[in-house]
Amino acid sequence: MTKRVLIFCKEDDWHALAIQALLRKRGAEADLLDTSKFPIDIKLVHSGANMTEVEFGGRRLSEYHSIWNRRAHRPIVAAEFTDADEKSFAARECFEALWGAIYASGLPIYNLPEAERRASFKADQLRLASEIGLNIPATLITNSPEEALAFYELQNKSVIYKTFTGTTWRMMDTRPLTDGDLKDLWRVRYTPLIFQEYLELGREYRVSVVDNQCFAGEIVIEHPGAQYDWRLDDNHGVKSVNLPPDIEMKLQTLRQRLKLNTGAIDLRETPDGKIYFLEVNPTGQFLFLDIFGKIDVAGAFCDMLLQG
């Protein structure tokens, strides 16, 4: 029987499209589904004597082998709701119906939404990484301009800052804190930031963990401005590398502690050879490792989705 995978994502998600194509090459099937279209354009029917029959988007969930929670989106409430309280109520009801039915299907979900939510908290990532024995940079998370200034001076003015989340309207890159930025520190009182000691760049790594496997790529940058954030170098390269076994073991321990199946981890190695954990993104990009580094992360994703 042909295995079928359900992928929660936007219809133009190129990671999802690539995995869909690879699954089909393996003789499997995959459907992409944008959960934000529920309930307007997607019908849900959850019934049966034991509440086990779930029809979602015209196909029974029992026909699927697994679910890849690539990037599920919350249901969008109908425009007919204009009252704020009614709109909030409808949003909660849609979310409960949607995910209640998905969980009731009994299908394996990679990653579980609650695991991704917990794993997205940067402060908790850093705490767990440190407990496991990974090196982390000196860090301050605050909404106090005074504390931010004191940290800047304590680190001899060698500090970077970054946000907790991204946006759809601009890239939120990691930047150096400079004397010229101090006049705007008052903004921190209203929008907290992450401040960290600047780690001199030796080597930069993106590591995709997929179940019990680690796939590491060294990010090779040329643009001098990308020393703070490699994404600023449009011409960056990728080289397949092997991390020290103890680092891989600790990254796997971190993945397990966060209850994730997969995640994209950023590491930085300083010129003296010390490797630091920066952060993990549960739904981070990985295909560029395949494309530019010839690292078969996508194949491991297919193995995971078709296992069992």
Protein backbone atom coordinates (compact mmCIF):
# COMPACT_ATOMS: atom_id res chain seq x y z
CA MET A 1 0.00 0.00 0.00
CA THR A 2 1.34 3.43 -0.95
CA LYS A 3 2.29 5.53 2.05
CA ARG A 4 0.89 9.06 2.10
CA VAL A 5 2.27 11.98 4.10
CA LEU A 6 0.37 15.13 5.05
CA ILE A 7 2.48 18.30 5.19
CA PHE A 8 1.22 21.39 7.02
CA CYS A 9 2.62 24.46 5.26
CA LYS A 10 1.88 27.31 2.90
CA GLU A 11 1.40 26.14 -0.68
CA ASP A 12 4.59 27.88 -1.87
CA ASP A 13 6.88 26.50 0.85
CA TRP A 14 9.83 25.28 -1.18
CA HIS A 15 11.07 22.94 1.55
CA ALA A 16 7.70 21.19 1.55
CA LEU A 17 7.60 21.06 -2.25
CA ALA A 18 11.07 19.52 -2.36
CA ILE A 19 10.22 16.83 0.20
CA GLN A 20 6.94 16.14 -1.63
CA ALA A 21 8.89 15.52 -4.84
CA LEU A 22 11.43 13.27 -3.10
CA LEU A 23 8.69 11.25 -1.42
CA ARG A 24 7.07 10.68 -4.78
CA LYS A 25 10.38 9.46 -6.17
CA ARG A 26 10.32 6.86 -3.41
CA GLY A 27 6.87 5.70 -4.46
CA ALA A 28 5.05 7.54 -1.68
CA GLU A 29 2.53 10.37 -1.88
CA ALA A 30 2.41 13.70 -0.08
CA ASP A 31 -0.25 16.38 0.19
CA LEU A 32 0.41 19.99 1.19
CA LEU A 33 -2.22 21.64 3.34
CA ASP A 34 -2.39 25.23 4.59
CA THR A 35 -4.10 25.00 7.99
CA SER A 36 -4.81 28.74 7.98
CA LYS A 37 -7.52 28.02 5.39
CA PHE A 38 -9.58 26.24 8.04
CA PRO A 39 -12.49 26.75 8.49
CA ILE A 40 -13.18 28.97 5.46
CA ASP A 41 -11.89 26.69 2.68
CA ILE A 42 -11.31 23.39 4.48
CA LYS A 43 -14.07 21.15 5.80
CA LEU A 44 -13.55 19.11 8.96
CA VAL A 45 -15.76 16.15 9.85
CA HIS A 46 -14.84 14.35 13.07
CA SER A 47 -17.28 11.61 14.02
CA GLY A 48 -17.72 7.88 14.62
CA ALA A 49 -18.67 5.83 17.66
CA ASN A 50 -15.24 6.32 19.17
CA MET A 51 -14.51 9.69 17.54
CA THR A 52 -11.91 8.09 15.31
CA GLU A 53 -13.17 9.06 11.85
CA VAL A 54 -11.60 12.32 10.69
CA GLU A 55 -12.11 13.78 7.25
CA PHE A 56 -9.95 16.80 6.67
CA GLY A 57 -9.80 18.73 3.42
CA GLY A 58 -11.67 16.01 1.55
CA ARG A 59 -9.49 13.07 2.60
CA ARG A 60 -9.64 10.88 5.69
CA LEU A 61 -6.68 11.20 7.99
CA SER A 62 -6.67 7.40 8.30
CA GLU A 63 -5.33 7.37 4.73
CA TYR A 64 -2.12 9.07 5.87
CA HIS A 65 0.99 7.50 7.30
CA SER A 66 2.35 10.56 9.09
CA ILE A 67 2.20 14.34 9.39
CA TRP A 68 5.08 16.73 8.88
CA ASN A 69 4.35 19.89 10.82
CA ARG A 70 6.57 21.94 8.53
CA ARG A 71 4.97 25.26 9.45
CA ALA A 72 1.35 24.98 10.48
CA HIS A 73 -0.57 28.24 10.75
CA ARG A 74 -3.43 29.13 13.03
CA PRO A 75 -6.93 29.15 11.49
CA ILE A 76 -8.04 32.50 10.06
CA VAL A 77 -11.40 33.64 11.37
CA ALA A 78 -14.02 34.67 8.83
CA ALA A 79 -14.24 38.37 8.02
CA GLU A 80 -17.93 38.28 8.99
CA PHE A 81 -16.84 38.35 12.64
CA THR A 82 -16.43 42.03 13.50
CA ASP A 83 -16.94 41.94 17.26
CA ALA A 84 -13.56 41.46 18.99
CA ASP A 85 -14.91 39.05 21.61
CA GLU A 86 -16.73 36.94 19.05
CA LYS A 87 -13.65 36.88 16.83
CA SER A 88 -11.45 35.74 19.71
CA PHE A 89 -13.97 33.06 20.67
CA ALA A 90 -14.24 31.78 17.09
CA ALA A 91 -10.45 31.63 16.78
CA ARG A 92 -10.19 29.49 19.93
CA GLU A 93 -12.98 27.18 18.78
CA CYS A 94 -11.37 26.68 15.36
CA PHE A 95 -8.00 25.91 16.91
CA GLU A 96 -9.51 23.40 19.37
CA ALA A 97 -11.52 21.62 16.68
CA LEU A 98 -8.61 21.52 14.26
CA TRP A 99 -5.92 20.18 16.54
CA GLY A 100 -8.27 17.99 18.53
CA ALA A 101 -9.12 16.11 15.34
CA ILE A 102 -5.48 15.93 14.26
CA TYR A 103 -4.38 14.43 17.58
CA ALA A 104 -7.38 12.09 17.64
CA SER A 105 -6.22 10.62 14.32
CA GLY A 106 -3.32 9.01 16.19
CA LEU A 107 -0.88 9.86 13.39
CA PRO A 108 2.77 10.54 14.26
CA ILE A 109 3.49 14.27 13.99
CA TYR A 110 6.99 15.61 13.31
CA ASN A 111 7.46 17.92 15.33
CA LEU A 112 4.66 18.07 17.87
CA PRO A 113 3.32 21.66 18.11
CA GLU A 114 3.72 21.82 21.89
CA ALA A 115 7.35 20.68 21.60
CA GLU A 116 8.07 23.34 18.99
CA ARG A 117 6.42 26.00 21.11
CA ARG A 118 8.52 25.14 24.16
CA ALA A 119 11.68 24.73 22.11
CA SER A 120 11.28 28.18 20.54
CA PHE A 121 12.01 29.98 23.82
CA LYS A 122 15.58 31.23 23.45
CA ALA A 123 16.25 31.58 27.17
CA ASP A 124 15.26 27.97 27.82
CA GLN A 125 17.39 26.78 24.91
CA LEU A 126 20.43 28.47 26.40
CA ARG A 127 19.72 27.10 29.89
CA LEU A 128 19.38 23.53 28.64
CA ALA A 129 22.42 23.83 26.37
CA SER A 130 24.52 25.04 29.30
CA GLU A 131 23.24 22.23 31.55
CA ILE A 132 24.18 19.67 28.90
CA GLY A 133 27.70 21.05 28.72
CA LEU A 134 27.59 23.13 25.54
CA ASN A 135 29.39 26.47 25.62
CA ILE A 136 27.08 29.48 25.39
CA PRO A 137 28.00 33.16 25.02
CA ALA A 138 27.53 35.57 27.91
CA THR A 139 23.91 36.63 27.51
CA LEU A 140 21.54 39.28 28.81
CA ILE A 141 17.81 39.25 28.05
CA THR A 142 16.17 42.41 29.32
CA ASN A 143 13.71 45.24 28.91
CA SER A 144 15.92 47.51 31.02
CA PRO A 145 17.98 50.09 29.09
CA GLU A 146 20.16 50.53 32.19
CA GLU A 147 20.97 46.81 32.39
CA ALA A 148 21.68 46.72 28.65
CA LEU A 149 24.11 49.63 28.98
CA ALA A 150 25.85 48.01 31.94
CA PHE A 151 26.24 44.75 29.99
CA TYR A 152 27.65 46.66 27.01
CA GLU A 153 30.30 48.23 29.21
CA LEU A 154 31.02 44.96 31.04
CA GLN A 155 31.74 43.25 27.71
CA ASN A 156 34.09 46.07 26.70
CA LYS A 157 31.58 47.25 24.10
CA SER A 158 31.88 43.97 22.18
CA VAL A 159 28.19 43.04 22.10
CA ILE A 160 25.65 41.89 19.55
CA TYR A 161 21.88 42.07 19.82
CA LYS A 162 19.07 40.10 18.22
CA THR A 163 15.33 39.58 18.41
CA PHE A 164 13.41 36.56 19.68
CA THR A 165 11.37 36.11 16.51
CA GLY A 166 11.39 37.06 12.86
CA THR A 167 8.92 39.10 10.84
CA THR A 168 7.35 38.91 7.39
CA TRP A 169 8.13 42.55 6.59
CA ARG A 170 11.91 42.64 7.07
CA MET A 171 14.88 40.48 7.98
CA MET A 172 15.76 40.67 11.66
CA ASP A 173 19.50 40.04 11.45
CA THR A 174 21.99 39.89 14.31
CA ARG A 175 23.78 43.23 14.67
CA PRO A 176 26.64 44.75 16.70
CA LEU A 177 25.69 47.20 19.43
CA THR A 178 27.61 50.44 18.92
CA ASP A 179 27.97 53.73 20.74
CA GLY A 180 25.68 55.22 18.11
CA ASP A 181 22.91 52.82 19.14
CA LEU A 182 22.90 53.90 22.79
CA LYS A 183 20.58 56.84 22.17
CA ASP A 184 17.91 54.32 21.14
CA LEU A 185 18.29 51.95 24.08
CA TRP A 186 15.10 53.43 25.58
CA ARG A 187 13.20 51.29 23.07
CA VAL A 188 14.28 48.17 24.96
CA ARG A 189 11.87 49.12 27.74
CA TYR A 190 8.98 48.39 25.37
CA THR A 191 10.47 45.57 23.28
CA PRO A 192 12.97 43.30 25.10
CA LEU A 193 16.06 42.16 23.22
CA ILE A 194 18.73 39.49 23.49
CA PHE A 195 22.23 40.90 24.10
CA GLN A 196 25.28 38.64 23.88
CA GLU A 197 29.02 38.93 23.94
CA TYR A 198 30.42 39.06 20.42
CA LEU A 199 32.22 35.83 19.56
CA GLU A 200 35.06 36.38 17.13
CA LEU A 201 34.37 34.38 13.99
CA GLY A 202 36.51 31.37 13.28
CA ARG A 203 34.00 29.01 11.67
CA GLU A 204 30.21 29.10 11.43
CA TYR A 205 28.05 25.96 11.39
CA ARG A 206 24.44 25.11 10.59
CA VAL A 207 23.52 21.69 11.93
CA SER A 208 20.32 19.87 11.01
CA VAL A 209 19.36 17.17 13.47
CA VAL A 210 16.89 14.61 12.15
CA ASP A 211 16.03 11.94 14.68
CA ASN A 212 19.37 10.45 15.74
CA GLN A 213 21.41 11.93 12.90
CA CYS A 214 23.40 15.18 12.74
CA PHE A 215 24.17 16.86 9.42
CA ALA A 216 26.67 19.69 9.74
CA GLY A 217 27.60 22.30 7.18
CA GLU A 218 30.24 24.98 7.58
CA ILE A 219 28.94 28.31 6.28
CA VAL A 220 31.68 29.98 4.25
CA ILE A 221 31.22 33.74 4.03
CA GLU A 222 33.10 36.42 2.11
CA HIS A 223 31.16 39.60 2.87
CA PRO A 224 32.76 41.35 5.89
CA GLY A 225 29.37 42.53 7.16
CA ALA A 226 28.27 38.90 7.49
CA GLN A 227 30.60 38.22 10.42
CA TYR A 228 27.62 38.95 12.67
CA ASP A 229 25.00 37.11 10.62
CA TRP A 230 25.96 34.84 7.71
CA ARG A 231 22.56 35.36 6.07
CA LEU A 232 23.75 38.83 5.00
CA ASP A 233 26.18 37.22 2.54
CA ASP A 234 24.11 36.32 -0.52
CA ASN A 235 27.07 34.37 -1.92
CA HIS A 236 27.84 32.25 1.13
CA GLY A 237 28.98 28.70 0.53
CA VAL A 238 28.50 25.45 2.42
CA LYS A 239 31.02 22.70 3.15
CA SER A 240 30.10 19.35 4.63
CA VAL A 241 31.98 18.85 7.91
CA ASN A 242 32.15 16.40 10.79
CA LEU A 243 31.67 17.88 14.22
CA PRO A 244 33.55 16.49 17.23
CA PRO A 245 31.64 13.42 18.52
CA ASP A 246 31.06 14.99 21.94
CA ILE A 247 29.41 18.03 20.32
CA GLU A 248 27.13 15.81 18.25
CA MET A 249 26.20 13.82 21.35
CA LYS A 250 25.32 16.99 23.25
CA LEU A 251 23.24 18.32 20.36
CA GLN A 252 21.30 15.07 20.28
CA THR A 253 20.78 15.31 24.02
CA LEU A 254 19.47 18.84 23.54
CA ARG A 255 17.08 17.67 20.81
CA GLN A 256 15.77 14.94 23.09
CA ARG A 257 15.40 17.27 26.07
CA LEU A 258 13.39 19.64 23.87
CA LYS A 259 11.28 16.67 22.66
CA LEU A 260 11.97 17.54 19.02
CA ASN A 261 12.34 15.17 16.08
CA THR A 262 14.13 17.76 14.00
CA GLY A 263 15.72 21.16 14.37
CA ALA A 264 18.23 23.54 12.78
CA ILE A 265 21.06 24.50 15.14
CA ASP A 266 23.52 27.37 14.76
CA LEU A 267 27.02 27.04 16.20
CA ARG A 268 30.04 29.32 16.11
CA GLU A 269 33.66 28.27 16.54
CA THR A 270 36.08 30.96 17.71
CA PRO A 271 39.65 31.14 16.35
CA ASP A 272 40.92 29.26 19.42
CA GLY A 273 38.77 26.24 18.48
CA LYS A 274 36.04 26.66 21.10
CA ILE A 275 32.55 25.83 19.78
CA TYR A 276 29.55 27.78 21.09
CA PHE A 277 25.85 26.97 20.86
CA LEU A 278 23.85 29.96 19.59
CA GLU A 279 20.28 28.74 19.07
CA VAL A 280 17.99 26.08 17.64
CA ASN A 281 15.11 26.71 15.27
CA PRO A 282 12.60 23.80 15.27
CA THR A 283 11.47 24.65 11.72
CA GLY A 284 14.69 26.13 10.38
CA GLN A 285 15.93 25.99 6.80
CA PHE A 286 17.93 22.93 5.77
CA LEU A 287 17.68 22.51 1.99
CA PHE A 288 20.58 24.88 1.35
CA LEU A 289 22.79 22.27 3.01
CA ASP A 290 21.62 19.75 0.38
CA ILE A 291 21.91 22.16 -2.53
CA PHE A 292 25.24 23.85 -1.79
CA GLY A 293 26.93 21.34 0.50
CA LYS A 294 25.72 18.07 -1.07
CA ILE A 295 24.52 17.00 2.38
CA ASP A 296 21.53 14.66 2.23
CA VAL A 297 19.34 16.16 4.94
CA ALA A 298 16.21 15.84 2.78
CA GLY A 299 16.76 12.11 2.44
CA ALA A 300 16.81 11.77 6.22
CA PHE A 301 13.55 13.75 6.40
CA CYS A 302 11.92 11.30 3.99
CA ASP A 303 13.20 8.36 6.03
CA MET A 304 11.68 9.88 9.17
CA LEU A 305 8.29 10.55 7.56
CA LEU A 306 8.05 7.05 6.08
CA GLN A 307 9.36 5.07 9.03
CA GLY A 308 7.22 2.43 10.69
